[in-house]
Amino acid sequence: MALTDAAVRNAKRSGGKACELSDEKGLYLIVTVKGGKWWRLDYRHDGKRKTLSLGT
């Protein structure tokens, strides 16, 4: 499922831990306990999983 603008704007953490919203291509949004939002991208290089931080 693709991330929509509305889903990202309305993203809130659940309970006392961070939550993640993701799409099918490896891009995901982490919503922290304090409400911060961080973009991450998972990819593979030489058969190993890597994570790229794209910022807030």
PDB file of N, CA and C in Angstrom:
ATOM      1  N   MET A   1       0.841  -1.175   0.000  1.00  0.00           N
ATOM      2  CA  MET A   1       0.000   0.000   0.000  1.00  0.00           C
ATOM      3  C   MET A   1       0.890   1.243   0.000  1.00  0.00           C
ATOM      4  N   ALA A   2       0.578   2.194  -0.818  1.00  0.00           N
ATOM      5  CA  ALA A   2       1.345   3.433  -0.899  1.00  0.00           C
ATOM      6  C   ALA A   2       0.999   4.348   0.281  1.00  0.00           C
ATOM      7  N   LEU A   3       1.990   5.110   0.712  1.00  0.00           N
ATOM      8  CA  LEU A   3       1.742   6.110   1.749  1.00  0.00           C
ATOM      9  C   LEU A   3       1.067   7.316   1.114  1.00  0.00           C
ATOM     10  N   THR A   4       0.000   7.772   1.700  1.00  0.00           N
ATOM     11  CA  THR A   4      -0.688   8.950   1.183  1.00  0.00           C
ATOM     12  C   THR A   4      -0.346  10.158   2.034  1.00  0.00           C
ATOM     13  N   ASP A   5      -0.556  11.324   1.480  1.00  0.00           N
ATOM     14  CA  ASP A   5      -0.306  12.570   2.201  1.00  0.00           C
ATOM     15  C   ASP A   5      -1.155  12.638   3.469  1.00  0.00           C
ATOM     16  N   ALA A   6      -2.411  12.239   3.369  1.00  0.00           N
ATOM     17  CA  ALA A   6      -3.311  12.282   4.524  1.00  0.00           C
ATOM     18  C   ALA A   6      -2.858  11.315   5.618  1.00  0.00           C
ATOM     19  N   ALA A   7      -2.405  10.136   5.241  1.00  0.00           N
ATOM     20  CA  ALA A   7      -1.949   9.153   6.226  1.00  0.00           C
ATOM     21  C   ALA A   7      -0.715   9.656   6.973  1.00  0.00           C
ATOM     22  N   VAL A   8       0.202  10.299   6.258  1.00  0.00           N
ATOM     23  CA  VAL A   8       1.420  10.827   6.891  1.00  0.00           C
ATOM     24  C   VAL A   8       1.085  11.988   7.814  1.00  0.00           C
ATOM     25  N   ARG A   9       0.231  12.882   7.386  1.00  0.00           N
ATOM     26  CA  ARG A   9      -0.134  14.041   8.216  1.00  0.00           C
ATOM     27  C   ARG A   9      -0.881  13.628   9.483  1.00  0.00           C
ATOM     28  N   ASN A  10      -1.682  12.577   9.415  1.00  0.00           N
ATOM     29  CA  ASN A  10      -2.496  12.141  10.551  1.00  0.00           C
ATOM     30  C   ASN A  10      -1.839  11.050  11.380  1.00  0.00           C
ATOM     31  N   ALA A  11      -0.595  10.690  11.075  1.00  0.00           N
ATOM     32  CA  ALA A  11       0.093   9.618  11.790  1.00  0.00           C
ATOM     33  C   ALA A  11       0.343  10.019  13.235  1.00  0.00           C
ATOM     34  N   LYS A  12      -0.022   9.125  14.127  1.00  0.00           N
ATOM     35  CA  LYS A  12       0.205   9.346  15.558  1.00  0.00           C
ATOM     36  C   LYS A  12       0.704   8.046  16.151  1.00  0.00           C
ATOM     37  N   ARG A  13       1.480   8.141  17.200  1.00  0.00           N
ATOM     38  CA  ARG A  13       1.988   6.947  17.861  1.00  0.00           C
ATOM     39  C   ARG A  13       0.854   6.242  18.591  1.00  0.00           C
ATOM     40  N   SER A  14       1.039   4.957  18.799  1.00  0.00           N
ATOM     41  CA  SER A  14       0.035   4.182  19.527  1.00  0.00           C
ATOM     42  C   SER A  14       0.645   3.676  20.822  1.00  0.00           C
ATOM     43  N   GLY A  15       0.029   3.990  21.927  1.00  0.00           N
ATOM     44  CA  GLY A  15       0.544   3.544  23.220  1.00  0.00           C
ATOM     45  C   GLY A  15       1.828   4.256  23.593  1.00  0.00           C
ATOM     46  N   GLY A  16       2.752   3.534  24.204  1.00  0.00           N
ATOM     47  CA  GLY A  16       3.996   4.128  24.673  1.00  0.00           C
ATOM     48  C   GLY A  16       5.191   3.795  23.817  1.00  0.00           C
ATOM     49  N   LYS A  17       4.983   3.402  22.560  1.00  0.00           N
ATOM     50  CA  LYS A  17       6.123   3.067  21.719  1.00  0.00           C
ATOM     51  C   LYS A  17       5.961   3.670  20.325  1.00  0.00           C
ATOM     52  N   ALA A  18       7.057   3.701  19.588  1.00  0.00           N
ATOM     53  CA  ALA A  18       7.050   4.263  18.238  1.00  0.00           C
ATOM     54  C   ALA A  18       6.264   3.355  17.298  1.00  0.00           C
ATOM     55  N   CYS A  19       5.691   3.939  16.256  1.00  0.00           N
ATOM     56  CA  CYS A  19       4.980   3.142  15.260  1.00  0.00           C
ATOM     57  C   CYS A  19       5.577   3.424  13.882  1.00  0.00           C
ATOM     58  N   GLU A  20       5.318   2.523  12.945  1.00  0.00           N
ATOM     59  CA  GLU A  20       5.848   2.651  11.591  1.00  0.00           C
ATOM     60  C   GLU A  20       4.717   2.565  10.572  1.00  0.00           C
ATOM     61  N   LEU A  21       4.789   3.425   9.579  1.00  0.00           N
ATOM     62  CA  LEU A  21       3.911   3.358   8.409  1.00  0.00           C
ATOM     63  C   LEU A  21       4.809   3.064   7.225  1.00  0.00           C
ATOM     64  N   SER A  22       4.476   2.062   6.435  1.00  0.00           N
ATOM     65  CA  SER A  22       5.382   1.694   5.350  1.00  0.00           C
ATOM     66  C   SER A  22       4.641   1.509   4.034  1.00  0.00           C
ATOM     67  N   ASP A  23       5.413   1.557   2.941  1.00  0.00           N
ATOM     68  CA  ASP A  23       4.871   1.234   1.627  1.00  0.00           C
ATOM     69  C   ASP A  23       5.508  -0.073   1.164  1.00  0.00           C
ATOM     70  N   GLU A  24       5.240  -0.487  -0.053  1.00  0.00           N
ATOM     71  CA  GLU A  24       5.724  -1.776  -0.536  1.00  0.00           C
ATOM     72  C   GLU A  24       7.134  -1.725  -1.107  1.00  0.00           C
ATOM     73  N   LYS A  25       7.750  -0.574  -1.206  1.00  0.00           N
ATOM     74  CA  LYS A  25       9.067  -0.419  -1.824  1.00  0.00           C
ATOM     75  C   LYS A  25      10.214  -0.245  -0.832  1.00  0.00           C
ATOM     76  N   GLY A  26       9.950  -0.303   0.470  1.00  0.00           N
ATOM     77  CA  GLY A  26      11.006  -0.174   1.462  1.00  0.00           C
ATOM     78  C   GLY A  26      11.040   1.169   2.171  1.00  0.00           C
ATOM     79  N   LEU A  27      10.219   2.118   1.740  1.00  0.00           N
ATOM     80  CA  LEU A  27      10.161   3.423   2.396  1.00  0.00           C
ATOM     81  C   LEU A  27       9.209   3.324   3.582  1.00  0.00           C
ATOM     82  N   TYR A  28       9.617   3.897   4.721  1.00  0.00           N
ATOM     83  CA  TYR A  28       8.723   3.912   5.866  1.00  0.00           C
ATOM     84  C   TYR A  28       8.936   5.158   6.711  1.00  0.00           C
ATOM     85  N   LEU A  29       7.932   5.470   7.497  1.00  0.00           N
ATOM     86  CA  LEU A  29       7.918   6.628   8.381  1.00  0.00           C
ATOM     87  C   LEU A  29       7.828   6.121   9.805  1.00  0.00           C
ATOM     88  N   ILE A  30       8.755   6.559  10.649  1.00  0.00           N
ATOM     89  CA  ILE A  30       8.720   6.216  12.069  1.00  0.00           C
ATOM     90  C   ILE A  30       8.158   7.418  12.823  1.00  0.00           C
ATOM     91  N   VAL A  31       7.125   7.177  13.624  1.00  0.00           N
ATOM     92  CA  VAL A  31       6.550   8.217  14.472  1.00  0.00           C
ATOM     93  C   VAL A  31       6.978   7.904  15.898  1.00  0.00           C
ATOM     94  N   THR A  32       7.767   8.796  16.498  1.00  0.00           N
ATOM     95  CA  THR A  32       8.328   8.559  17.822  1.00  0.00           C
ATOM     96  C   THR A  32       7.318   8.837  18.920  1.00  0.00           C
ATOM     97  N   VAL A  33       7.700   8.484  20.135  1.00  0.00           N
ATOM     98  CA  VAL A  33       6.842   8.679  21.304  1.00  0.00           C
ATOM     99  C   VAL A  33       6.528  10.158  21.513  1.00  0.00           C
ATOM    100  N   LYS A  34       7.504  11.025  21.232  1.00  0.00           N
ATOM    101  CA  LYS A  34       7.301  12.461  21.424  1.00  0.00           C
ATOM    102  C   LYS A  34       6.614  13.130  20.233  1.00  0.00           C
ATOM    103  N   GLY A  35       6.320  12.366  19.189  1.00  0.00           N
ATOM    104  CA  GLY A  35       5.608  12.914  18.041  1.00  0.00           C
ATOM    105  C   GLY A  35       6.478  13.261  16.848  1.00  0.00           C
ATOM    106  N   GLY A  36       7.778  13.028  16.932  1.00  0.00           N
ATOM    107  CA  GLY A  36       8.670  13.290  15.803  1.00  0.00           C
ATOM    108  C   GLY A  36       8.437  12.283  14.686  1.00  0.00           C
ATOM    109  N   LYS A  37       8.696  12.688  13.472  1.00  0.00           N
ATOM    110  CA  LYS A  37       8.510  11.813  12.312  1.00  0.00           C
ATOM    111  C   LYS A  37       9.827  11.715  11.552  1.00  0.00           C
ATOM    112  N   TRP A  38      10.288  10.482  11.320  1.00  0.00           N
ATOM    113  CA  TRP A  38      11.566  10.214  10.674  1.00  0.00           C
ATOM    114  C   TRP A  38      11.352   9.307   9.474  1.00  0.00           C
ATOM    115  N   TRP A  39      11.909   9.675   8.322  1.00  0.00           N
ATOM    116  CA  TRP A  39      11.830   8.870   7.109  1.00  0.00           C
ATOM    117  C   TRP A  39      13.015   7.941   7.021  1.00  0.00           C
ATOM    118  N   ARG A  40      12.771   6.671   6.646  1.00  0.00           N
ATOM    119  CA  ARG A  40      13.815   5.666   6.458  1.00  0.00           C
ATOM    120  C   ARG A  40      13.532   4.903   5.158  1.00  0.00           C
ATOM    121  N   LEU A  41      14.600   4.388   4.554  1.00  0.00           N
ATOM    122  CA  LEU A  41      14.488   3.587   3.345  1.00  0.00           C
ATOM    123  C   LEU A  41      15.367   2.358   3.502  1.00  0.00           C
ATOM    124  N   ASP A  42      14.775   1.166   3.403  1.00  0.00           N
ATOM    125  CA  ASP A  42      15.528  -0.080   3.452  1.00  0.00           C
ATOM    126  C   ASP A  42      15.844  -0.525   2.036  1.00  0.00           C
ATOM    127  N   TYR A  43      17.084  -0.992   1.837  1.00  0.00           N
ATOM    128  CA  TYR A  43      17.502  -1.487   0.535  1.00  0.00           C
ATOM    129  C   TYR A  43      18.544  -2.585   0.736  1.00  0.00           C
ATOM    130  N   ARG A  44      18.910  -3.263  -0.337  1.00  0.00           N
ATOM    131  CA  ARG A  44      19.915  -4.310  -0.265  1.00  0.00           C
ATOM    132  C   ARG A  44      21.112  -3.931  -1.128  1.00  0.00           C
ATOM    133  N   HIS A  45      22.312  -4.176  -0.586  1.00  0.00           N
ATOM    134  CA  HIS A  45      23.565  -3.960  -1.311  1.00  0.00           C
ATOM    135  C   HIS A  45      24.483  -5.138  -1.015  1.00  0.00           C
ATOM    136  N   ASP A  46      24.927  -5.820  -2.046  1.00  0.00           N
ATOM    137  CA  ASP A  46      25.746  -7.029  -1.898  1.00  0.00           C
ATOM    138  C   ASP A  46      25.067  -8.071  -1.020  1.00  0.00           C
ATOM    139  N   GLY A  47      23.751  -8.184  -1.119  1.00  0.00           N
ATOM    140  CA  GLY A  47      23.007  -9.183  -0.364  1.00  0.00           C
ATOM    141  C   GLY A  47      22.753  -8.845   1.086  1.00  0.00           C
ATOM    142  N   LYS A  48      23.169  -7.668   1.537  1.00  0.00           N
ATOM    143  CA  LYS A  48      22.962  -7.261   2.927  1.00  0.00           C
ATOM    144  C   LYS A  48      21.918  -6.157   2.992  1.00  0.00           C
ATOM    145  N   ARG A  49      21.107  -6.201   4.026  1.00  0.00           N
ATOM    146  CA  ARG A  49      20.089  -5.175   4.241  1.00  0.00           C
ATOM    147  C   ARG A  49      20.751  -3.926   4.798  1.00  0.00           C
ATOM    148  N   LYS A  50      20.413  -2.785   4.220  1.00  0.00           N
ATOM    149  CA  LYS A  50      20.918  -1.491   4.668  1.00  0.00           C
ATOM    150  C   LYS A  50      19.725  -0.574   4.903  1.00  0.00           C
ATOM    151  N   THR A  51      19.906   0.419   5.756  1.00  0.00           N
ATOM    152  CA  THR A  51      18.870   1.410   6.011  1.00  0.00           C
ATOM    153  C   THR A  51      19.446   2.789   5.792  1.00  0.00           C
ATOM    154  N   LEU A  52      18.748   3.590   5.006  1.00  0.00           N
ATOM    155  CA  LEU A  52      19.147   4.953   4.715  1.00  0.00           C
ATOM    156  C   LEU A  52      18.203   5.896   5.442  1.00  0.00           C
ATOM    157  N   SER A  53      18.757   6.827   6.212  1.00  0.00           N
ATOM    158  CA  SER A  53      17.952   7.825   6.914  1.00  0.00           C
ATOM    159  C   SER A  53      17.795   9.036   5.981  1.00  0.00           C
ATOM    160  N   LEU A  54      16.548   9.421   5.759  1.00  0.00           N
ATOM    161  CA  LEU A  54      16.265  10.525   4.841  1.00  0.00           C
ATOM    162  C   LEU A  54      15.919  11.821   5.561  1.00  0.00           C
ATOM    163  N   GLY A  55      15.796  11.804   6.874  1.00  0.00           N
ATOM    164  CA  GLY A  55      15.558  13.027   7.617  1.00  0.00           C
ATOM    165  C   GLY A  55      14.161  13.108   8.197  1.00  0.00           C
ATOM    166  N   THR A  56      13.811  14.301   8.655  1.00  0.00           N
ATOM    167  CA  THR A  56      12.505  14.505   9.291  1.00  0.00           C
ATOM    168  C   THR A  56      11.510  15.066   8.300  1.00  0.00           C
TER     169      THR A  56
END
